Amino acid sequence: SFVDAKRIGVFGWSYGGFMTLRLLSQASDKIAMGVSVAPVT
């Protein structure tokens, strides 16, 4: 009840950077934005 589902963003570095890109690519309808640092692509 305390979360705005339209304002969820993701950040990750390295493997987390890869995860950020995969999450945005698969679920941009659920994740509003992302920051990817030094990702494996």
ModelCIF file with pLDDT and N, C-alpha, C, O atoms, coordinates in Angstrom:
data_MODEL
#
_entry.id   MODEL 
#
_entity.id                         1 
_entity.type                       polymer 
_entity.pdbx_number_of_molecules   1 
#
_entity_poly.entity_id                      1 
_entity_poly.type                           'polypeptide(L)' 
_entity_poly.nstd_linkage                   no 
_entity_poly.nstd_monomer                   no 
_entity_poly.pdbx_seq_one_letter_code       SFVDAKRIGVFGWSYGGFMTLRLLSQASDKIAMGVSVAPVT 
_entity_poly.pdbx_seq_one_letter_code_can   SFVDAKRIGVFGWSYGGFMTLRLLSQASDKIAMGVSVAPVT 
_entity_poly.pdbx_strand_id                 A 
#
loop_
_entity_poly_seq.entity_id 
_entity_poly_seq.num 
_entity_poly_seq.mon_id 
_entity_poly_seq.hetero 
1 1  SER n 
1 2  PHE n 
1 3  VAL n 
1 4  ASP n 
1 5  ALA n 
1 6  LYS n 
1 7  ARG n 
1 8  ILE n 
1 9  GLY n 
1 10 VAL n 
1 11 PHE n 
1 12 GLY n 
1 13 TRP n 
1 14 SER n 
1 15 TYR n 
1 16 GLY n 
1 17 GLY n 
1 18 PHE n 
1 19 MET n 
1 20 THR n 
1 21 LEU n 
1 22 ARG n 
1 23 LEU n 
1 24 LEU n 
1 25 SER n 
1 26 GLN n 
1 27 ALA n 
1 28 SER n 
1 29 ASP n 
1 30 LYS n 
1 31 ILE n 
1 32 ALA n 
1 33 MET n 
1 34 GLY n 
1 35 VAL n 
1 36 SER n 
1 37 VAL n 
1 38 ALA n 
1 39 PRO n 
1 40 VAL n 
1 41 THR n 
#
_struct_asym.id          A 
_struct_asym.entity_id   1 
#
loop_
_ma_qa_metric.id 
_ma_qa_metric.mode 
_ma_qa_metric.name 
_ma_qa_metric.software_group_id 
_ma_qa_metric.type 
1 global pLDDT . pLDDT 
2 local  pLDDT . pLDDT 
#
_ma_qa_metric_global.metric_id      1 
_ma_qa_metric_global.metric_value   97.71 
_ma_qa_metric_global.model_id       1 
_ma_qa_metric_global.ordinal_id     1 
#
loop_
_ma_qa_metric_local.label_asym_id 
_ma_qa_metric_local.label_comp_id 
_ma_qa_metric_local.label_seq_id 
_ma_qa_metric_local.metric_id 
_ma_qa_metric_local.metric_value 
_ma_qa_metric_local.model_id 
_ma_qa_metric_local.ordinal_id 
A SER 1  2 97.00 1 1  
A PHE 2  2 98.00 1 2  
A VAL 3  2 98.00 1 3  
A ASP 4  2 98.00 1 4  
A ALA 5  2 97.00 1 5  
A LYS 6  2 98.00 1 6  
A ARG 7  2 98.00 1 7  
A ILE 8  2 98.00 1 8  
A GLY 9  2 98.00 1 9  
A VAL 10 2 98.00 1 10 
A PHE 11 2 98.00 1 11 
A GLY 12 2 98.00 1 12 
A TRP 13 2 98.00 1 13 
A SER 14 2 97.00 1 14 
A TYR 15 2 97.00 1 15 
A GLY 16 2 98.00 1 16 
A GLY 17 2 98.00 1 17 
A PHE 18 2 98.00 1 18 
A MET 19 2 98.00 1 19 
A THR 20 2 98.00 1 20 
A LEU 21 2 98.00 1 21 
A ARG 22 2 98.00 1 22 
A LEU 23 2 98.00 1 23 
A LEU 24 2 98.00 1 24 
A SER 25 2 97.00 1 25 
A GLN 26 2 97.00 1 26 
A ALA 27 2 97.00 1 27 
A SER 28 2 97.00 1 28 
A ASP 29 2 97.00 1 29 
A LYS 30 2 97.00 1 30 
A ILE 31 2 98.00 1 31 
A ALA 32 2 98.00 1 32 
A MET 33 2 98.00 1 33 
A GLY 34 2 98.00 1 34 
A VAL 35 2 98.00 1 35 
A SER 36 2 98.00 1 36 
A VAL 37 2 98.00 1 37 
A ALA 38 2 98.00 1 38 
A PRO 39 2 98.00 1 39 
A VAL 40 2 97.00 1 40 
A THR 41 2 97.00 1 41 
#
loop_
_atom_site.group_PDB 
_atom_site.id 
_atom_site.type_symbol 
_atom_site.label_atom_id 
_atom_site.label_alt_id 
_atom_site.label_comp_id 
_atom_site.label_asym_id 
_atom_site.label_entity_id 
_atom_site.label_seq_id 
_atom_site.pdbx_PDB_ins_code 
_atom_site.Cartn_x 
_atom_site.Cartn_y 
_atom_site.Cartn_z 
_atom_site.occupancy 
_atom_site.B_iso_or_equiv 
_atom_site.pdbx_formal_charge 
_atom_site.auth_seq_id 
_atom_site.auth_comp_id 
_atom_site.auth_asym_id 
_atom_site.auth_atom_id 
_atom_site.pdbx_PDB_model_num 
ATOM 1   N N  . SER A 1 1  ? 0.807  -1.222 0.000   1.00 97.00 ? 1  SER A N  1 
ATOM 2   C CA . SER A 1 1  ? 0.000  0.000  0.000   1.00 97.00 ? 1  SER A CA 1 
ATOM 3   C C  . SER A 1 1  ? 0.838  1.268  0.000   1.00 97.00 ? 1  SER A C  1 
ATOM 4   O O  . SER A 1 1  ? 0.367  2.330  -0.408  1.00 97.00 ? 1  SER A O  1 
ATOM 5   N N  . PHE A 1 2  ? 2.088  1.157  0.460   1.00 98.00 ? 2  PHE A N  1 
ATOM 6   C CA . PHE A 1 2  ? 2.947  2.341  0.564   1.00 98.00 ? 2  PHE A CA 1 
ATOM 7   C C  . PHE A 1 2  ? 3.878  2.506  -0.636  1.00 98.00 ? 2  PHE A C  1 
ATOM 8   O O  . PHE A 1 2  ? 4.729  3.396  -0.631  1.00 98.00 ? 2  PHE A O  1 
ATOM 9   N N  . VAL A 1 3  ? 3.735  1.675  -1.656  1.00 98.00 ? 3  VAL A N  1 
ATOM 10  C CA . VAL A 1 3  ? 4.600  1.740  -2.844  1.00 98.00 ? 3  VAL A CA 1 
ATOM 11  C C  . VAL A 1 3  ? 3.793  2.206  -4.050  1.00 98.00 ? 3  VAL A C  1 
ATOM 12  O O  . VAL A 1 3  ? 2.676  1.750  -4.290  1.00 98.00 ? 3  VAL A O  1 
ATOM 13  N N  . ASP A 1 4  ? 4.391  3.129  -4.801  1.00 98.00 ? 4  ASP A N  1 
ATOM 14  C CA . ASP A 1 4  ? 3.814  3.539  -6.073  1.00 98.00 ? 4  ASP A CA 1 
ATOM 15  C C  . ASP A 1 4  ? 4.394  2.622  -7.156  1.00 98.00 ? 4  ASP A C  1 
ATOM 16  O O  . ASP A 1 4  ? 5.552  2.774  -7.545  1.00 98.00 ? 4  ASP A O  1 
ATOM 17  N N  . ALA A 1 5  ? 3.597  1.680  -7.637  1.00 97.00 ? 5  ALA A N  1 
ATOM 18  C CA . ALA A 1 5  ? 4.080  0.672  -8.582  1.00 97.00 ? 5  ALA A CA 1 
ATOM 19  C C  . ALA A 1 5  ? 4.563  1.275  -9.895  1.00 97.00 ? 5  ALA A C  1 
ATOM 20  O O  . ALA A 1 5  ? 5.285  0.617  -10.643 1.00 97.00 ? 5  ALA A O  1 
ATOM 21  N N  . LYS A 1 6  ? 4.181  2.509  -10.185 1.00 98.00 ? 6  LYS A N  1 
ATOM 22  C CA . LYS A 1 6  ? 4.614  3.155  -11.422 1.00 98.00 ? 6  LYS A CA 1 
ATOM 23  C C  . LYS A 1 6  ? 5.935  3.901  -11.248 1.00 98.00 ? 6  LYS A C  1 
ATOM 24  O O  . LYS A 1 6  ? 6.461  4.473  -12.203 1.00 98.00 ? 6  LYS A O  1 
ATOM 25  N N  . ARG A 1 7  ? 6.466  3.891  -10.033 1.00 98.00 ? 7  ARG A N  1 
ATOM 26  C CA . ARG A 1 7  ? 7.726  4.603  -9.769  1.00 98.00 ? 7  ARG A CA 1 
ATOM 27  C C  . ARG A 1 7  ? 8.747  3.657  -9.121  1.00 98.00 ? 7  ARG A C  1 
ATOM 28  O O  . ARG A 1 7  ? 9.249  3.925  -8.029  1.00 98.00 ? 7  ARG A O  1 
ATOM 29  N N  . ILE A 1 8  ? 9.040  2.572  -9.796  1.00 98.00 ? 8  ILE A N  1 
ATOM 30  C CA . ILE A 1 8  ? 10.069 1.627  -9.344  1.00 98.00 ? 8  ILE A CA 1 
ATOM 31  C C  . ILE A 1 8  ? 11.240 1.708  -10.304 1.00 98.00 ? 8  ILE A C  1 
ATOM 32  O O  . ILE A 1 8  ? 11.082 1.504  -11.507 1.00 98.00 ? 8  ILE A O  1 
ATOM 33  N N  . GLY A 1 9  ? 12.420 2.009  -9.768  1.00 98.00 ? 9  GLY A N  1 
ATOM 34  C CA . GLY A 1 9  ? 13.632 2.093  -10.576 1.00 98.00 ? 9  GLY A CA 1 
ATOM 35  C C  . GLY A 1 9  ? 14.664 1.096  -10.098 1.00 98.00 ? 9  GLY A C  1 
ATOM 36  O O  . GLY A 1 9  ? 14.613 0.657  -8.949  1.00 98.00 ? 9  GLY A O  1 
ATOM 37  N N  . VAL A 1 10 ? 15.613 0.727  -10.970 1.00 98.00 ? 10 VAL A N  1 
ATOM 38  C CA . VAL A 1 10 ? 16.605 -0.293 -10.645 1.00 98.00 ? 10 VAL A CA 1 
ATOM 39  C C  . VAL A 1 10 ? 18.009 0.223  -10.930 1.00 98.00 ? 10 VAL A C  1 
ATOM 40  O O  . VAL A 1 10 ? 18.242 0.937  -11.905 1.00 98.00 ? 10 VAL A O  1 
ATOM 41  N N  . PHE A 1 11 ? 18.934 -0.154 -10.060 1.00 98.00 ? 11 PHE A N  1 
ATOM 42  C CA . PHE A 1 11 ? 20.352 0.171  -10.235 1.00 98.00 ? 11 PHE A CA 1 
ATOM 43  C C  . PHE A 1 11 ? 21.187 -1.087 -10.030 1.00 98.00 ? 11 PHE A C  1 
ATOM 44  O O  . PHE A 1 11 ? 20.891 -1.897 -9.152  1.00 98.00 ? 11 PHE A O  1 
ATOM 45  N N  . GLY A 1 12 ? 22.242 -1.251 -10.849 1.00 98.00 ? 12 GLY A N  1 
ATOM 46  C CA . GLY A 1 12 ? 23.171 -2.353 -10.652 1.00 98.00 ? 12 GLY A CA 1 
ATOM 47  C C  . GLY A 1 12 ? 24.517 -2.064 -11.279 1.00 98.00 ? 12 GLY A C  1 
ATOM 48  O O  . GLY A 1 12 ? 24.620 -1.289 -12.230 1.00 98.00 ? 12 GLY A O  1 
ATOM 49  N N  . TRP A 1 13 ? 25.556 -2.700 -10.736 1.00 98.00 ? 13 TRP A N  1 
ATOM 50  C CA . TRP A 1 13 ? 26.946 -2.512 -11.191 1.00 98.00 ? 13 TRP A CA 1 
ATOM 51  C C  . TRP A 1 13 ? 27.521 -3.872 -11.566 1.00 98.00 ? 13 TRP A C  1 
ATOM 52  O O  . TRP A 1 13 ? 27.315 -4.846 -10.843 1.00 98.00 ? 13 TRP A O  1 
ATOM 53  N N  . SER A 1 14 ? 28.232 -3.953 -12.675 1.00 97.00 ? 14 SER A N  1 
ATOM 54  C CA . SER A 1 14 ? 28.872 -5.187 -13.127 1.00 97.00 ? 14 SER A CA 1 
ATOM 55  C C  . SER A 1 14 ? 27.794 -6.212 -13.490 1.00 97.00 ? 14 SER A C  1 
ATOM 56  O O  . SER A 1 14 ? 27.023 -5.977 -14.421 1.00 97.00 ? 14 SER A O  1 
ATOM 57  N N  . TYR A 1 15 ? 27.721 -7.342 -12.778 1.00 97.00 ? 15 TYR A N  1 
ATOM 58  C CA . TYR A 1 15 ? 26.611 -8.264 -13.039 1.00 97.00 ? 15 TYR A CA 1 
ATOM 59  C C  . TYR A 1 15 ? 25.285 -7.546 -12.785 1.00 97.00 ? 15 TYR A C  1 
ATOM 60  O O  . TYR A 1 15 ? 24.298 -7.770 -13.485 1.00 97.00 ? 15 TYR A O  1 
ATOM 61  N N  . GLY A 1 16 ? 25.282 -6.685 -11.780 1.00 98.00 ? 16 GLY A N  1 
ATOM 62  C CA . GLY A 1 16 ? 24.081 -5.892 -11.524 1.00 98.00 ? 16 GLY A CA 1 
ATOM 63  C C  . GLY A 1 16 ? 23.753 -4.962 -12.678 1.00 98.00 ? 16 GLY A C  1 
ATOM 64  O O  . GLY A 1 16 ? 22.581 -4.689 -12.940 1.00 98.00 ? 16 GLY A O  1 
ATOM 65  N N  . GLY A 1 17 ? 24.777 -4.471 -13.373 1.00 98.00 ? 17 GLY A N  1 
ATOM 66  C CA . GLY A 1 17 ? 24.541 -3.664 -14.568 1.00 98.00 ? 17 GLY A CA 1 
ATOM 67  C C  . GLY A 1 17 ? 23.891 -4.477 -15.669 1.00 98.00 ? 17 GLY A C  1 
ATOM 68  O O  . GLY A 1 17 ? 22.987 -4.000 -16.355 1.00 98.00 ? 17 GLY A O  1 
ATOM 69  N N  . PHE A 1 18 ? 24.354 -5.708 -15.835 1.00 98.00 ? 18 PHE A N  1 
ATOM 70  C CA . PHE A 1 18 ? 23.720 -6.645 -16.761 1.00 98.00 ? 18 PHE A CA 1 
ATOM 71  C C  . PHE A 1 18 ? 22.266 -6.874 -16.373 1.00 98.00 ? 18 PHE A C  1 
ATOM 72  O O  . PHE A 1 18 ? 21.374 -6.861 -17.221 1.00 98.00 ? 18 PHE A O  1 
ATOM 73  N N  . MET A 1 19 ? 22.038 -7.083 -15.075 1.00 98.00 ? 19 MET A N  1 
ATOM 74  C CA . MET A 1 19 ? 20.671 -7.317 -14.592 1.00 98.00 ? 19 MET A CA 1 
ATOM 75  C C  . MET A 1 19 ? 19.765 -6.113 -14.862 1.00 98.00 ? 19 MET A C  1 
ATOM 76  O O  . MET A 1 19 ? 18.606 -6.281 -15.242 1.00 98.00 ? 19 MET A O  1 
ATOM 77  N N  . THR A 1 20 ? 20.286 -4.912 -14.669 1.00 98.00 ? 20 THR A N  1 
ATOM 78  C CA . THR A 1 20 ? 19.495 -3.713 -14.945 1.00 98.00 ? 20 THR A CA 1 
ATOM 79  C C  . THR A 1 20 ? 19.029 -3.691 -16.396 1.00 98.00 ? 20 THR A C  1 
ATOM 80  O O  . THR A 1 20 ? 17.859 -3.427 -16.674 1.00 98.00 ? 20 THR A O  1 
ATOM 81  N N  . LEU A 1 21 ? 19.946 -3.969 -17.318 1.00 98.00 ? 21 LEU A N  1 
ATOM 82  C CA . LEU A 1 21 ? 19.597 -3.956 -18.736 1.00 98.00 ? 21 LEU A CA 1 
ATOM 83  C C  . LEU A 1 21 ? 18.599 -5.057 -19.081 1.00 98.00 ? 21 LEU A C  1 
ATOM 84  O O  . LEU A 1 21 ? 17.675 -4.843 -19.866 1.00 98.00 ? 21 LEU A O  1 
ATOM 85  N N  . ARG A 1 22 ? 18.792 -6.240 -18.489 1.00 98.00 ? 22 ARG A N  1 
ATOM 86  C CA . ARG A 1 22 ? 17.861 -7.349 -18.766 1.00 98.00 ? 22 ARG A CA 1 
ATOM 87  C C  . ARG A 1 22 ? 16.474 -7.043 -18.194 1.00 98.00 ? 22 ARG A C  1 
ATOM 88  O O  . ARG A 1 22 ? 15.461 -7.337 -18.829 1.00 98.00 ? 22 ARG A O  1 
ATOM 89  N N  . LEU A 1 23 ? 16.430 -6.457 -17.005 1.00 98.00 ? 23 LEU A N  1 
ATOM 90  C CA . LEU A 1 23 ? 15.143 -6.124 -16.397 1.00 98.00 ? 23 LEU A CA 1 
ATOM 91  C C  . LEU A 1 23 ? 14.402 -5.074 -17.214 1.00 98.00 ? 23 LEU A C  1 
ATOM 92  O O  . LEU A 1 23 ? 13.199 -5.199 -17.448 1.00 98.00 ? 23 LEU A O  1 
ATOM 93  N N  . LEU A 1 24 ? 15.109 -4.049 -17.645 1.00 98.00 ? 24 LEU A N  1 
ATOM 94  C CA . LEU A 1 24 ? 14.462 -3.007 -18.446 1.00 98.00 ? 24 LEU A CA 1 
ATOM 95  C C  . LEU A 1 24 ? 14.016 -3.556 -19.799 1.00 98.00 ? 24 LEU A C  1 
ATOM 96  O O  . LEU A 1 24 ? 12.958 -3.180 -20.305 1.00 98.00 ? 24 LEU A O  1 
ATOM 97  N N  . SER A 1 25 ? 14.815 -4.438 -20.381 1.00 97.00 ? 25 SER A N  1 
ATOM 98  C CA . SER A 1 25 ? 14.474 -4.996 -21.688 1.00 97.00 ? 25 SER A CA 1 
ATOM 99  C C  . SER A 1 25 ? 13.257 -5.913 -21.613 1.00 97.00 ? 25 SER A C  1 
ATOM 100 O O  . SER A 1 25 ? 12.479 -6.005 -22.562 1.00 97.00 ? 25 SER A O  1 
ATOM 101 N N  . GLN A 1 26 ? 13.102 -6.585 -20.481 1.00 97.00 ? 26 GLN A N  1 
ATOM 102 C CA . GLN A 1 26 ? 12.008 -7.533 -20.332 1.00 97.00 ? 26 GLN A CA 1 
ATOM 103 C C  . GLN A 1 26 ? 10.778 -6.927 -19.670 1.00 97.00 ? 26 GLN A C  1 
ATOM 104 O O  . GLN A 1 26 ? 9.662  -7.404 -19.877 1.00 97.00 ? 26 GLN A O  1 
ATOM 105 N N  . ALA A 1 27 ? 10.976 -5.878 -18.873 1.00 97.00 ? 27 ALA A N  1 
ATOM 106 C CA . ALA A 1 27 ? 9.851  -5.406 -18.065 1.00 97.00 ? 27 ALA A CA 1 
ATOM 107 C C  . ALA A 1 27 ? 9.826  -3.892 -17.924 1.00 97.00 ? 27 ALA A C  1 
ATOM 108 O O  . ALA A 1 27 ? 9.661  -3.381 -16.816 1.00 97.00 ? 27 ALA A O  1 
ATOM 109 N N  . SER A 1 28 ? 9.986  -3.169 -19.024 1.00 97.00 ? 28 SER A N  1 
ATOM 110 C CA . SER A 1 28 ? 9.874  -1.709 -18.941 1.00 97.00 ? 28 SER A CA 1 
ATOM 111 C C  . SER A 1 28 ? 8.473  -1.272 -18.556 1.00 97.00 ? 28 SER A C  1 
ATOM 112 O O  . SER A 1 28 ? 8.277  -0.129 -18.143 1.00 97.00 ? 28 SER A O  1 
ATOM 113 N N  . ASP A 1 29 ? 7.487  -2.166 -18.683 1.00 97.00 ? 29 ASP A N  1 
ATOM 114 C CA . ASP A 1 29 ? 6.133  -1.825 -18.255 1.00 97.00 ? 29 ASP A CA 1 
ATOM 115 C C  . ASP A 1 29 ? 5.993  -1.866 -16.733 1.00 97.00 ? 29 ASP A C  1 
ATOM 116 O O  . ASP A 1 29 ? 5.035  -1.330 -16.176 1.00 97.00 ? 29 ASP A O  1 
ATOM 117 N N  . LYS A 1 30 ? 6.961  -2.510 -16.064 1.00 97.00 ? 30 LYS A N  1 
ATOM 118 C CA . LYS A 1 30 ? 6.918  -2.616 -14.608 1.00 97.00 ? 30 LYS A CA 1 
ATOM 119 C C  . LYS A 1 30 ? 8.009  -1.797 -13.923 1.00 97.00 ? 30 LYS A C  1 
ATOM 120 O O  . LYS A 1 30 ? 7.889  -1.462 -12.745 1.00 97.00 ? 30 LYS A O  1 
ATOM 121 N N  . ILE A 1 31 ? 9.067  -1.475 -14.655 1.00 98.00 ? 31 ILE A N  1 
ATOM 122 C CA . ILE A 1 31 ? 10.201 -0.752 -14.082 1.00 98.00 ? 31 ILE A CA 1 
ATOM 123 C C  . ILE A 1 31 ? 10.351 0.565  -14.831 1.00 98.00 ? 31 ILE A C  1 
ATOM 124 O O  . ILE A 1 31 ? 10.536 0.583  -16.048 1.00 98.00 ? 31 ILE A O  1 
ATOM 125 N N  . ALA A 1 32 ? 10.271 1.647  -14.104 1.00 98.00 ? 32 ALA A N  1 
ATOM 126 C CA . ALA A 1 32 ? 10.157 2.973  -14.718 1.00 98.00 ? 32 ALA A CA 1 
ATOM 127 C C  . ALA A 1 32 ? 11.472 3.523  -15.236 1.00 98.00 ? 32 ALA A C  1 
ATOM 128 O O  . ALA A 1 32 ? 11.469 4.395  -16.105 1.00 98.00 ? 32 ALA A O  1 
ATOM 129 N N  . MET A 1 33 ? 12.615 3.032  -14.719 1.00 98.00 ? 33 MET A N  1 
ATOM 130 C CA . MET A 1 33 ? 13.913 3.566  -15.130 1.00 98.00 ? 33 MET A CA 1 
ATOM 131 C C  . MET A 1 33 ? 15.015 2.672  -14.595 1.00 98.00 ? 33 MET A C  1 
ATOM 132 O O  . MET A 1 33 ? 14.774 1.827  -13.733 1.00 98.00 ? 33 MET A O  1 
ATOM 133 N N  . GLY A 1 34 ? 16.246 2.860  -15.112 1.00 98.00 ? 34 GLY A N  1 
ATOM 134 C CA . GLY A 1 34 ? 17.354 2.064  -14.608 1.00 98.00 ? 34 GLY A CA 1 
ATOM 135 C C  . GLY A 1 34 ? 18.689 2.744  -14.800 1.00 98.00 ? 34 GLY A C  1 
ATOM 136 O O  . GLY A 1 34 ? 18.872 3.553  -15.710 1.00 98.00 ? 34 GLY A O  1 
ATOM 137 N N  . VAL A 1 35 ? 19.625 2.400  -13.920 1.00 98.00 ? 35 VAL A N  1 
ATOM 138 C CA . VAL A 1 35 ? 21.014 2.850  -14.029 1.00 98.00 ? 35 VAL A CA 1 
ATOM 139 C C  . VAL A 1 35 ? 21.892 1.607  -14.089 1.00 98.00 ? 35 VAL A C  1 
ATOM 140 O O  . VAL A 1 35 ? 21.851 0.767  -13.190 1.00 98.00 ? 35 VAL A O  1 
ATOM 141 N N  . SER A 1 36 ? 22.680 1.495  -15.144 1.00 98.00 ? 36 SER A N  1 
ATOM 142 C CA . SER A 1 36 ? 23.547 0.337  -15.364 1.00 98.00 ? 36 SER A CA 1 
ATOM 143 C C  . SER A 1 36 ? 24.993 0.804  -15.412 1.00 98.00 ? 36 SER A C  1 
ATOM 144 O O  . SER A 1 36 ? 25.369 1.610  -16.264 1.00 98.00 ? 36 SER A O  1 
ATOM 145 N N  . VAL A 1 37 ? 25.806 0.287  -14.484 1.00 98.00 ? 37 VAL A N  1 
ATOM 146 C CA . VAL A 1 37 ? 27.215 0.668  -14.418 1.00 98.00 ? 37 VAL A CA 1 
ATOM 147 C C  . VAL A 1 37 ? 28.085 -0.537 -14.767 1.00 98.00 ? 37 VAL A C  1 
ATOM 148 O O  . VAL A 1 37 ? 27.918 -1.618 -14.201 1.00 98.00 ? 37 VAL A O  1 
ATOM 149 N N  . ALA A 1 38 ? 29.021 -0.344 -15.708 1.00 98.00 ? 38 ALA A N  1 
ATOM 150 C CA . ALA A 1 38 ? 30.000 -1.363 -16.109 1.00 98.00 ? 38 ALA A CA 1 
ATOM 151 C C  . ALA A 1 38 ? 29.358 -2.716 -16.374 1.00 98.00 ? 38 ALA A C  1 
ATOM 152 O O  . ALA A 1 38 ? 29.780 -3.719 -15.799 1.00 98.00 ? 38 ALA A O  1 
ATOM 153 N N  . PRO A 1 39 ? 28.337 -2.760 -17.242 1.00 98.00 ? 39 PRO A N  1 
ATOM 154 C CA . PRO A 1 39 ? 27.609 -4.018 -17.432 1.00 98.00 ? 39 PRO A CA 1 
ATOM 155 C C  . PRO A 1 39 ? 28.284 -4.971 -18.415 1.00 98.00 ? 39 PRO A C  1 
ATOM 156 O O  . PRO A 1 39 ? 28.939 -4.541 -19.365 1.00 98.00 ? 39 PRO A O  1 
ATOM 157 N N  . VAL A 1 40 ? 28.115 -6.261 -18.176 1.00 97.00 ? 40 VAL A N  1 
ATOM 158 C CA . VAL A 1 40 ? 28.342 -7.250 -19.222 1.00 97.00 ? 40 VAL A CA 1 
ATOM 159 C C  . VAL A 1 40 ? 27.115 -7.196 -20.123 1.00 97.00 ? 40 VAL A C  1 
ATOM 160 O O  . VAL A 1 40 ? 25.986 -7.265 -19.638 1.00 97.00 ? 40 VAL A O  1 
ATOM 161 N N  . THR A 1 41 ? 27.327 -7.073 -21.423 1.00 97.00 ? 41 THR A N  1 
ATOM 162 C CA . THR A 1 41 ? 26.188 -7.031 -22.356 1.00 97.00 ? 41 THR A CA 1 
ATOM 163 C C  . THR A 1 41 ? 26.120 -8.274 -23.231 1.00 97.00 ? 41 THR A C  1 
ATOM 164 O O  . THR A 1 41 ? 25.222 -8.394 -24.065 1.00 97.00 ? 41 THR A O  1 
#
